[in-house]
Protein backbone atom coordinates (compact mmCIF):
# COMPACT_ATOMS: atom_id res chain seq x y z
CA MET A 1 0.02 0.10 0.00
CA ARG A 2 1.29 3.37 -0.85
CA SER A 3 2.18 6.05 1.90
CA ARG A 4 -0.23 8.61 2.34
CA HIS A 5 2.32 10.75 3.95
CA THR A 6 2.11 14.41 2.80
CA PRO A 7 5.11 16.61 2.11
CA ILE A 8 4.57 18.99 4.65
CA ALA A 9 4.42 15.91 7.10
CA LEU A 10 7.96 14.37 5.37
CA LEU A 11 9.65 18.08 5.63
CA ALA A 12 8.46 18.27 9.58
CA ALA A 13 9.73 14.91 10.49
CA ALA A 14 13.30 16.03 8.70
CA ALA A 15 13.22 19.02 10.60
CA ALA A 16 12.85 17.19 13.58
CA VAL A 17 15.62 14.71 12.94
CA LEU A 18 17.95 17.62 11.88
CA ALA A 19 17.07 19.64 14.94
CA CYS A 20 18.10 16.53 17.32
CA LEU A 21 21.27 16.03 14.96
CA LEU A 22 22.33 19.60 15.46
CA ALA A 23 21.58 19.68 19.32
CA ALA A 24 24.22 16.41 19.57
CA VAL A 25 26.49 18.22 17.36
CA ALA A 26 26.60 21.13 19.49
CA VAL A 27 27.04 19.21 22.76
CA GLY A 28 29.69 17.07 21.27
CA LYS A 29 31.51 14.25 22.61
CA MET A 30 33.92 15.28 25.65
CA ARG A 31 37.46 14.34 25.52
CA SER A 32 39.85 15.35 28.26
CA THR A 33 43.60 15.65 28.13
CA PRO A 34 45.59 16.45 31.23
CA LEU A 35 48.05 18.82 30.50
CA GLU A 36 50.17 19.35 33.67
CA PRO A 37 49.38 18.96 37.28
CA LYS A 38 46.08 20.82 38.13
CA LEU A 39 45.39 22.01 33.98
CA CYS A 40 43.27 20.34 31.81
CA GLU A 41 42.12 20.59 28.31
CA THR A 42 38.45 19.23 27.22
CA LYS A 43 37.24 19.85 24.10
CA GLY A 44 33.23 19.16 23.15
CA GLY A 45 30.86 18.55 25.89
CA GLY A 46 29.71 21.79 26.97
CA LYS A 47 26.20 22.16 28.44
CA PHE A 48 24.71 24.62 30.75
CA VAL A 49 23.52 22.47 34.10
CA PRO A 50 22.58 23.42 37.62
CA ILE A 51 25.38 23.58 40.47
CA PRO A 52 24.48 20.97 42.96
CA GLY A 53 24.12 22.74 46.43
CA PHE A 54 23.28 26.42 44.89
CA PRO A 55 19.49 26.36 43.72
CA GLY A 56 18.93 28.61 40.66
CA GLU A 57 22.84 28.43 39.69
CA LYS A 58 24.17 27.24 36.20
CA ILE A 59 27.58 26.52 34.99
CA ASP A 60 29.18 24.67 31.78
CA ARG A 61 29.07 21.09 33.17
CA ARG A 62 32.79 20.70 32.51
CA LEU A 63 33.30 23.20 35.49
CA LEU A 64 31.70 20.71 37.80
CA THR A 65 34.59 19.07 39.14
CA ASP A 66 36.51 22.21 39.64
CA ILE A 67 33.89 23.67 41.68
CA GLU A 68 33.03 20.74 43.74
CA TYR A 69 36.85 21.07 44.44
CA LEU A 70 36.89 25.03 45.29
CA VAL A 71 33.82 24.54 47.62
CA ASP A 72 35.25 21.66 49.54
CA LYS A 73 38.76 23.38 49.92
CA TYR A 74 38.12 26.89 50.17
CA LYS A 75 34.55 26.94 51.57
CA ILE A 76 32.96 29.35 48.94
CA PHE A 77 29.35 30.35 48.60
CA ILE A 78 28.39 30.73 44.68
CA THR A 79 26.30 33.90 44.16
CA ASP A 80 26.28 33.90 40.08
CA GLY A 81 27.81 31.24 37.61
CA TYR A 82 25.83 31.15 33.94
CA SER A 83 24.04 34.72 33.47
CA THR A 84 22.77 36.59 30.59
CA ASP A 85 22.02 39.66 33.14
CA PRO A 86 23.16 42.77 31.67
CA VAL A 87 24.93 43.59 34.91
CA HIS A 88 27.89 41.13 33.32
CA ALA A 89 29.90 41.93 30.32
CA ARG A 90 28.20 40.32 27.46
CA ASN A 91 31.26 39.14 26.05
CA GLY A 92 32.60 37.83 29.14
CA GLU A 93 32.29 34.50 30.81
CA HIS A 94 29.15 34.48 32.53
CA PRO A 95 27.24 34.53 29.48
CA ILE A 96 28.88 31.38 28.37
CA GLY A 97 28.83 29.61 31.77
CA LEU A 98 32.46 29.75 32.66
CA ALA A 99 32.40 32.19 34.96
CA LEU A 100 31.62 32.51 39.15
CA ASP A 101 30.92 35.37 41.47
CA ILE A 102 31.92 33.75 44.76
CA VAL A 103 31.55 34.79 48.24
CA PRO A 104 32.26 33.13 51.77
CA ALA A 105 29.82 30.46 52.95
CA THR A 106 30.88 31.85 56.15
CA LYS A 107 31.57 35.36 57.62
CA ARG A 108 35.28 35.06 57.25
CA TRP A 109 37.06 35.94 54.05
CA ARG A 110 40.18 34.32 54.98
CA LYS A 111 39.66 31.37 52.50
CA VAL A 112 38.57 33.34 49.97
CA ASN A 113 41.29 35.48 50.24
CA LYS A 114 43.71 32.62 49.95
CA LEU A 115 41.56 31.42 46.62
CA ALA A 116 42.48 34.61 45.08
CA LYS A 117 45.91 34.68 45.81
CA TRP A 118 46.24 31.28 44.45
CA ALA A 119 44.26 31.98 41.22
CA GLU A 120 46.10 35.27 40.67
CA PRO A 121 49.48 35.55 42.51
CA LYS A 122 50.24 38.62 40.95
CA GLN A 123 47.78 41.33 39.91
CA ASP A 124 46.55 40.58 36.16
CA ARG A 125 48.86 37.22 36.04
CA PRO A 126 45.98 34.52 36.86
CA ARG A 127 47.43 31.20 37.04
CA PRO A 128 45.85 28.95 34.23
CA PRO A 129 43.43 27.60 33.90
CA PHE A 130 41.90 30.97 35.02
CA ARG A 131 41.42 33.86 32.21
CA TRP A 132 40.57 36.39 34.72
CA VAL A 133 40.45 36.85 38.44
CA GLY A 134 38.50 39.89 39.86
CA TYR A 135 39.54 40.71 43.41
CA ASP A 136 41.26 43.32 45.24
CA GLY A 137 42.54 46.05 43.05
CA ASP A 138 39.71 45.50 40.28
CA ALA A 139 36.85 47.92 40.34
CA GLY A 140 33.34 46.41 42.11
CA HIS A 141 35.58 43.39 43.36
CA GLY A 142 37.46 42.14 46.21
CA ARG A 143 36.94 41.22 49.85
CA ARG A 144 33.44 42.30 51.58
CA ASN A 145 32.42 42.50 47.89
CA HIS A 146 32.99 39.35 45.74
CA LEU A 147 35.71 37.10 44.15
CA HIS A 148 35.28 36.81 40.41
CA LEU A 149 36.85 33.88 38.62
CA SER A 150 36.94 33.33 34.89
CA TRP A 151 38.10 29.99 33.27
CA SER A 152 40.23 30.02 29.99
CA HIS A 153 38.71 28.75 26.73
CA SER A 154 38.16 28.89 22.83
CA ALA A 155 36.30 31.54 21.10
CA THR A 156 32.34 31.61 21.36
CA LYS A 157 29.43 33.31 21.05
CA PRO A 158 27.45 34.46 24.28
CA GLU A 159 24.68 31.68 25.41
CA GLU A 160 26.65 29.27 23.49
CA PRO A 161 29.14 26.74 25.06
CA ALA A 162 32.66 26.95 24.16
CA ARG A 163 34.28 23.97 21.98
CA LYS A 164 37.36 24.07 24.25
CA VAL A 165 37.91 24.80 27.99
CA TYR A 166 40.44 24.48 30.45
CA THR A 167 40.18 23.52 33.81
CA ILE A 168 41.92 22.51 37.20
CA PHE A 169 40.78 18.70 36.91
CA CYS A 170 39.48 16.92 33.92
CA PRO A 171 35.78 16.87 34.10
CA GLU A 172 34.21 14.09 36.20
CA GLN A 173 37.74 13.06 37.08
CA GLY A 174 38.80 15.05 40.13
CA GLU A 175 42.08 13.42 40.38
CA GLU A 176 45.40 14.70 39.43
CA THR A 177 46.90 12.73 36.71
CA GLU A 178 50.43 12.42 34.52
CA PRO A 179 50.57 14.90 31.90
CA PRO A 180 51.73 14.18 28.42
CA PRO A 181 55.25 15.02 27.37
CA PRO A 182 55.72 18.66 26.17
CA GLU A 183 54.88 19.25 22.46
CA GLU A 184 57.79 20.35 20.48
CA GLY A 185 57.63 23.50 18.66
CA THR A 186 54.16 24.89 19.99
CA GLY A 187 55.90 27.22 22.41
CA GLY A 188 53.88 24.96 25.52
CA VAL A 189 50.92 25.04 27.25
CA GLU A 190 51.75 28.21 29.40
CA SER A 191 52.17 30.40 26.09
CA ARG A 192 48.44 29.07 24.56
CA ILE A 193 46.94 29.69 28.02
CA ARG A 194 48.36 33.27 28.18
CA GLU A 195 47.08 34.11 24.73
CA LEU A 196 43.57 33.37 26.04
CA GLN A 197 44.47 35.71 29.33
CA ARG A 198 45.49 38.32 27.02
CA SER A 199 42.33 38.41 25.55
CA ALA A 200 40.16 38.68 28.50
CA VAL A 201 37.52 41.09 29.12
CA PRO A 202 37.05 42.54 32.81
CA GLU A 203 33.51 41.93 34.02
CA ARG A 204 30.99 44.98 34.67
CA HIS A 205 29.25 44.95 38.15
């Protein structure tokens, strides 16, 4: 018996299949490579998800292992993650889910101060994988206000996960692993991260 599907129905079905395929491509398969102790490169797998323990806050899921580590070690409280609120720079990291605004989980700022110092040992020289750190010396940031952390990443558009992200730990791993040998003739991991850091855009708060 000949099919009675109309051209419109067939087109609708094809559009639905195409939408599913595009969604799969957008997320992509997650592939992580440890580069150095406490530095991992992850390609693909970007998706905005809730941050466990912080209702209403979302982040790129590739940062969840880092966040768990930071919450446990530095006793932080997250006030903002993925956000398209105009209070944040449109071309910063909040609109792509790769930034956190942080205050202490208690009344004391000692551990947040320690985290800020570890993330940025010298002013405007953040430690990889961070792209920009906003704290003392940065307008609208600092103790008694908040600490801002942005993670390094490949170029992307607001509200779209970056193809490549650098993190402290490889996602869903949470353990340090032995990095591969340095690549010859590439300038090393440090130079690649510094290029991303140099293009950082300070946040507006």
